[in-house]
Amino acid sequence: MGSPVVSPLINLVVRVFTIILLVASLIVLATDNITYGLGFYDYGYQFKFTDIYAYRYMLSVMVIGLVWILLQSAFTIFHFSSGNPLGGNAFAHIEFYGDKVISYLLGTGAAAGFGLTVDAKRFSELDSFENDFFNKANAAASLLLIAFFLSAISSVFSSYNLPKAVTAA
């Protein structure tokens, strides 16, 4: 009995939803900042998400994942339009292992964001601006977590494209 076959269209739809979630998460995180001390003579200080290493890691993971999934989407469109996968057996392995690595990166990025946000909110008394800052970062991590799940589904779909081993009788 053969392995199930997933249509390139279904794979493309999952990748498109992953792209949408990654872009949304990227926008939410990139717009996350607080400005302190905006008095009449005070210039203030702007606290940005890039001031925190875990959120920088989230951003890096989002960009890397977005580049990979856009590239894979282009290859999936080629597969869908031509009916033949690009690159044959070697590319099927690259796609499979690349999808695994990217999905794990997305998962660790979401975990880093959630971990820092929970610890920051638990161990400090936050004013409303700081609370909004961490809630926004938590929303970005939530979108990234959903993107991880969809990327893991794409990884399963890419496993169906792997060449089958020939066994001697």
C-alpha atoms as a PDB file:
ATOM      1  CA  MET A   1       0.000   0.000   0.000  1.00  0.00           C
ATOM      2  CA  GLY A   2       1.456   3.380  -1.051  1.00  0.00           C
ATOM      3  CA  SER A   3       1.766   6.474   1.036  1.00  0.00           C
ATOM      4  CA  PRO A   4      -0.917   9.133   0.815  1.00  0.00           C
ATOM      5  CA  VAL A   5      -0.440  11.750  -1.857  1.00  0.00           C
ATOM      6  CA  VAL A   6      -1.011  15.400  -1.034  1.00  0.00           C
ATOM      7  CA  SER A   7      -1.972  17.699  -3.844  1.00  0.00           C
ATOM      8  CA  PRO A   8       0.489  20.535  -4.480  1.00  0.00           C
ATOM      9  CA  LEU A   9      -2.520  22.867  -4.217  1.00  0.00           C
ATOM     10  CA  ILE A  10      -3.181  21.809  -0.616  1.00  0.00           C
ATOM     11  CA  ASN A  11       0.507  22.197   0.174  1.00  0.00           C
ATOM     12  CA  LEU A  12       0.459  25.659  -1.397  1.00  0.00           C
ATOM     13  CA  VAL A  13      -2.604  26.709   0.618  1.00  0.00           C
ATOM     14  CA  VAL A  14      -0.916  25.661   3.872  1.00  0.00           C
ATOM     15  CA  ARG A  15       2.234  27.564   2.892  1.00  0.00           C
ATOM     16  CA  VAL A  16       0.235  30.695   1.994  1.00  0.00           C
ATOM     17  CA  PHE A  17      -1.485  30.659   5.397  1.00  0.00           C
ATOM     18  CA  THR A  18       1.928  30.234   7.032  1.00  0.00           C
ATOM     19  CA  ILE A  19       3.228  33.260   5.103  1.00  0.00           C
ATOM     20  CA  ILE A  20       0.222  35.330   6.174  1.00  0.00           C
ATOM     21  CA  LEU A  21       0.751  34.421   9.831  1.00  0.00           C
ATOM     22  CA  LEU A  22       4.480  35.133   9.675  1.00  0.00           C
ATOM     23  CA  VAL A  23       3.928  38.539   8.059  1.00  0.00           C
ATOM     24  CA  ALA A  24       1.245  39.416  10.627  1.00  0.00           C
ATOM     25  CA  SER A  25       3.505  38.317  13.477  1.00  0.00           C
ATOM     26  CA  LEU A  26       6.375  40.301  12.000  1.00  0.00           C
ATOM     27  CA  ILE A  27       4.254  43.452  11.756  1.00  0.00           C
ATOM     28  CA  VAL A  28       2.965  43.098  15.315  1.00  0.00           C
ATOM     29  CA  LEU A  29       6.455  42.585  16.716  1.00  0.00           C
ATOM     30  CA  ALA A  30       8.087  45.313  14.606  1.00  0.00           C
ATOM     31  CA  THR A  31       5.591  47.911  15.806  1.00  0.00           C
ATOM     32  CA  ASP A  32       6.042  46.999  19.471  1.00  0.00           C
ATOM     33  CA  ASN A  33       7.678  49.850  21.404  1.00  0.00           C
ATOM     34  CA  ILE A  34       7.161  52.184  24.375  1.00  0.00           C
ATOM     35  CA  THR A  35       8.160  55.823  24.691  1.00  0.00           C
ATOM     36  CA  TYR A  36       8.954  57.132  28.175  1.00  0.00           C
ATOM     37  CA  GLY A  37       9.256  60.693  29.426  1.00  0.00           C
ATOM     38  CA  LEU A  38       7.444  62.780  26.866  1.00  0.00           C
ATOM     39  CA  GLY A  39       7.305  65.970  28.897  1.00  0.00           C
ATOM     40  CA  PHE A  40       7.502  69.501  27.544  1.00  0.00           C
ATOM     41  CA  TYR A  41      11.318  69.678  27.755  1.00  0.00           C
ATOM     42  CA  ASP A  42      12.033  65.975  27.989  1.00  0.00           C
ATOM     43  CA  TYR A  43      12.967  64.135  24.813  1.00  0.00           C
ATOM     44  CA  GLY A  44      12.109  60.770  26.260  1.00  0.00           C
ATOM     45  CA  TYR A  45      13.416  57.282  25.751  1.00  0.00           C
ATOM     46  CA  GLN A  46      11.993  54.777  23.337  1.00  0.00           C
ATOM     47  CA  PHE A  47      12.078  51.150  24.470  1.00  0.00           C
ATOM     48  CA  LYS A  48      11.866  48.865  21.428  1.00  0.00           C
ATOM     49  CA  PHE A  49      11.441  45.146  20.978  1.00  0.00           C
ATOM     50  CA  THR A  50      15.029  45.036  19.658  1.00  0.00           C
ATOM     51  CA  ASP A  51      16.245  45.928  23.148  1.00  0.00           C
ATOM     52  CA  ILE A  52      15.333  42.384  24.240  1.00  0.00           C
ATOM     53  CA  TYR A  53      17.323  39.436  22.907  1.00  0.00           C
ATOM     54  CA  ALA A  54      14.449  36.952  22.908  1.00  0.00           C
ATOM     55  CA  TYR A  55      12.375  39.255  20.710  1.00  0.00           C
ATOM     56  CA  ARG A  56      15.345  39.754  18.383  1.00  0.00           C
ATOM     57  CA  TYR A  57      15.533  35.978  18.092  1.00  0.00           C
ATOM     58  CA  MET A  58      11.817  35.878  17.292  1.00  0.00           C
ATOM     59  CA  LEU A  59      12.355  38.460  14.553  1.00  0.00           C
ATOM     60  CA  SER A  60      15.294  36.520  13.092  1.00  0.00           C
ATOM     61  CA  VAL A  61      13.328  33.300  13.071  1.00  0.00           C
ATOM     62  CA  MET A  62      10.370  35.019  11.403  1.00  0.00           C
ATOM     63  CA  VAL A  63      12.544  36.434   8.624  1.00  0.00           C
ATOM     64  CA  ILE A  64      14.397  33.152   8.029  1.00  0.00           C
ATOM     65  CA  GLY A  65      11.121  31.219   8.034  1.00  0.00           C
ATOM     66  CA  LEU A  66       9.496  33.718   5.696  1.00  0.00           C
ATOM     67  CA  VAL A  67      12.361  33.494   3.181  1.00  0.00           C
ATOM     68  CA  TRP A  68      12.313  29.678   3.241  1.00  0.00           C
ATOM     69  CA  ILE A  69       8.548  29.386   2.923  1.00  0.00           C
ATOM     70  CA  LEU A  70       8.407  31.954   0.097  1.00  0.00           C
ATOM     71  CA  LEU A  71      11.080  29.968  -1.740  1.00  0.00           C
ATOM     72  CA  GLN A  72       9.227  26.707  -1.125  1.00  0.00           C
ATOM     73  CA  SER A  73       5.972  28.309  -2.256  1.00  0.00           C
ATOM     74  CA  ALA A  74       7.591  29.257  -5.564  1.00  0.00           C
ATOM     75  CA  PHE A  75       8.719  25.647  -6.019  1.00  0.00           C
ATOM     76  CA  THR A  76       5.248  24.408  -5.082  1.00  0.00           C
ATOM     77  CA  ILE A  77       3.684  26.736  -7.661  1.00  0.00           C
ATOM     78  CA  PHE A  78       6.087  25.322 -10.243  1.00  0.00           C
ATOM     79  CA  HIS A  79       5.098  21.783  -9.216  1.00  0.00           C
ATOM     80  CA  PHE A  80       1.406  22.681  -9.383  1.00  0.00           C
ATOM     81  CA  SER A  81       1.644  24.349 -12.790  1.00  0.00           C
ATOM     82  CA  SER A  82       3.930  21.830 -14.485  1.00  0.00           C
ATOM     83  CA  GLY A  83       2.825  18.654 -12.732  1.00  0.00           C
ATOM     84  CA  ASN A  84       6.438  17.684 -11.992  1.00  0.00           C
ATOM     85  CA  PRO A  85       8.379  18.457  -8.819  1.00  0.00           C
ATOM     86  CA  LEU A  86      11.517  20.533  -9.283  1.00  0.00           C
ATOM     87  CA  GLY A  87      14.892  18.839  -8.814  1.00  0.00           C
ATOM     88  CA  GLY A  88      13.846  15.219  -8.355  1.00  0.00           C
ATOM     89  CA  ASN A  89      14.945  13.046  -5.432  1.00  0.00           C
ATOM     90  CA  ALA A  90      17.752  15.279  -4.163  1.00  0.00           C
ATOM     91  CA  PHE A  91      15.478  18.280  -3.909  1.00  0.00           C
ATOM     92  CA  ALA A  92      12.808  16.224  -2.135  1.00  0.00           C
ATOM     93  CA  HIS A  93      15.312  15.534   0.654  1.00  0.00           C
ATOM     94  CA  ILE A  94      16.369  19.188   0.846  1.00  0.00           C
ATOM     95  CA  GLU A  95      12.712  20.234   1.025  1.00  0.00           C
ATOM     96  CA  PHE A  96      11.930  17.675   3.726  1.00  0.00           C
ATOM     97  CA  TYR A  97      14.876  18.469   6.004  1.00  0.00           C
ATOM     98  CA  GLY A  98      14.592  22.209   5.357  1.00  0.00           C
ATOM     99  CA  ASP A  99      10.933  22.128   6.368  1.00  0.00           C
ATOM    100  CA  LYS A 100      11.882  20.262   9.551  1.00  0.00           C
ATOM    101  CA  VAL A 101      14.572  22.781  10.489  1.00  0.00           C
ATOM    102  CA  ILE A 102      12.369  25.792   9.742  1.00  0.00           C
ATOM    103  CA  SER A 103       9.423  24.408  11.687  1.00  0.00           C
ATOM    104  CA  TYR A 104      11.654  23.775  14.703  1.00  0.00           C
ATOM    105  CA  LEU A 105      13.096  27.287  14.437  1.00  0.00           C
ATOM    106  CA  LEU A 106       9.599  28.762  14.364  1.00  0.00           C
ATOM    107  CA  GLY A 107       8.674  26.678  17.413  1.00  0.00           C
ATOM    108  CA  THR A 108      11.728  27.824  19.372  1.00  0.00           C
ATOM    109  CA  GLY A 109      11.069  31.450  18.392  1.00  0.00           C
ATOM    110  CA  ALA A 110       7.515  31.230  19.717  1.00  0.00           C
ATOM    111  CA  ALA A 111       8.764  29.542  22.904  1.00  0.00           C
ATOM    112  CA  ALA A 112      11.382  32.259  23.474  1.00  0.00           C
ATOM    113  CA  GLY A 113       8.736  34.971  23.098  1.00  0.00           C
ATOM    114  CA  PHE A 114       6.258  33.252  25.404  1.00  0.00           C
ATOM    115  CA  GLY A 115       8.912  32.454  28.005  1.00  0.00           C
ATOM    116  CA  LEU A 116      10.240  35.979  28.249  1.00  0.00           C
ATOM    117  CA  THR A 117       6.781  37.530  28.282  1.00  0.00           C
ATOM    118  CA  VAL A 118       5.513  35.278  31.055  1.00  0.00           C
ATOM    119  CA  ASP A 119       8.634  35.835  33.169  1.00  0.00           C
ATOM    120  CA  ALA A 120       8.611  39.604  32.643  1.00  0.00           C
ATOM    121  CA  LYS A 121       4.957  39.890  33.597  1.00  0.00           C
ATOM    122  CA  ARG A 122       5.331  37.624  36.628  1.00  0.00           C
ATOM    123  CA  PHE A 123       8.479  39.099  38.167  1.00  0.00           C
ATOM    124  CA  SER A 124       7.860  42.804  37.755  1.00  0.00           C
ATOM    125  CA  GLU A 125       5.144  45.308  38.421  1.00  0.00           C
ATOM    126  CA  LEU A 126       4.216  46.716  35.045  1.00  0.00           C
ATOM    127  CA  ASP A 127       2.489  49.957  34.250  1.00  0.00           C
ATOM    128  CA  SER A 128      -0.120  50.011  31.501  1.00  0.00           C
ATOM    129  CA  PHE A 129       2.414  50.912  28.782  1.00  0.00           C
ATOM    130  CA  GLU A 130       4.738  48.055  29.720  1.00  0.00           C
ATOM    131  CA  ASN A 131       1.802  45.669  29.991  1.00  0.00           C
ATOM    132  CA  ASP A 132       0.674  46.652  26.476  1.00  0.00           C
ATOM    133  CA  PHE A 133       4.241  46.162  25.232  1.00  0.00           C
ATOM    134  CA  PHE A 134       4.420  42.606  26.540  1.00  0.00           C
ATOM    135  CA  ASN A 135       0.857  41.799  25.445  1.00  0.00           C
ATOM    136  CA  LYS A 136       1.742  42.845  21.901  1.00  0.00           C
ATOM    137  CA  ALA A 137       4.851  40.653  21.987  1.00  0.00           C
ATOM    138  CA  ASN A 138       2.701  37.813  23.317  1.00  0.00           C
ATOM    139  CA  ALA A 139       0.319  38.267  20.360  1.00  0.00           C
ATOM    140  CA  ALA A 140       3.283  38.081  17.965  1.00  0.00           C
ATOM    141  CA  ALA A 141       4.462  34.883  19.665  1.00  0.00           C
ATOM    142  CA  SER A 142       0.944  33.423  19.398  1.00  0.00           C
ATOM    143  CA  LEU A 143       0.840  34.067  15.651  1.00  0.00           C
ATOM    144  CA  LEU A 144       4.319  32.575  15.364  1.00  0.00           C
ATOM    145  CA  LEU A 145       3.153  29.461  17.224  1.00  0.00           C
ATOM    146  CA  ILE A 146       0.278  28.949  14.781  1.00  0.00           C
ATOM    147  CA  ALA A 147       2.756  29.451  11.908  1.00  0.00           C
ATOM    148  CA  PHE A 148       4.901  26.731  13.515  1.00  0.00           C
ATOM    149  CA  PHE A 149       1.982  24.304  13.478  1.00  0.00           C
ATOM    150  CA  LEU A 150       1.273  25.017   9.819  1.00  0.00           C
ATOM    151  CA  SER A 151       4.954  24.673   8.991  1.00  0.00           C
ATOM    152  CA  ALA A 152       4.991  21.299  10.752  1.00  0.00           C
ATOM    153  CA  ILE A 153       2.031  20.248   8.595  1.00  0.00           C
ATOM    154  CA  SER A 154       3.995  21.326   5.493  1.00  0.00           C
ATOM    155  CA  SER A 155       6.868  19.218   6.759  1.00  0.00           C
ATOM    156  CA  VAL A 156       4.600  16.183   6.911  1.00  0.00           C
ATOM    157  CA  PHE A 157       3.385  16.921   3.394  1.00  0.00           C
ATOM    158  CA  SER A 158       6.969  17.159   2.123  1.00  0.00           C
ATOM    159  CA  SER A 159       7.706  13.743   3.630  1.00  0.00           C
ATOM    160  CA  TYR A 160       5.248  12.254   1.129  1.00  0.00           C
ATOM    161  CA  ASN A 161       7.473  13.472  -1.708  1.00  0.00           C
ATOM    162  CA  LEU A 162      10.504  11.535  -0.477  1.00  0.00           C
ATOM    163  CA  PRO A 163      11.574   8.686  -2.767  1.00  0.00           C
ATOM    164  CA  LYS A 164      10.617   5.263  -1.507  1.00  0.00           C
ATOM    165  CA  ALA A 165      13.432   2.883  -0.609  1.00  0.00           C
ATOM    166  CA  VAL A 166      13.683  -0.186  -2.782  1.00  0.00           C
ATOM    167  CA  THR A 167      13.885  -3.387  -0.761  1.00  0.00           C
ATOM    168  CA  ALA A 168      15.280  -6.650  -2.078  1.00  0.00           C
ATOM    169  CA  ALA A 169      12.978  -9.630  -1.930  1.00  0.00           C
END
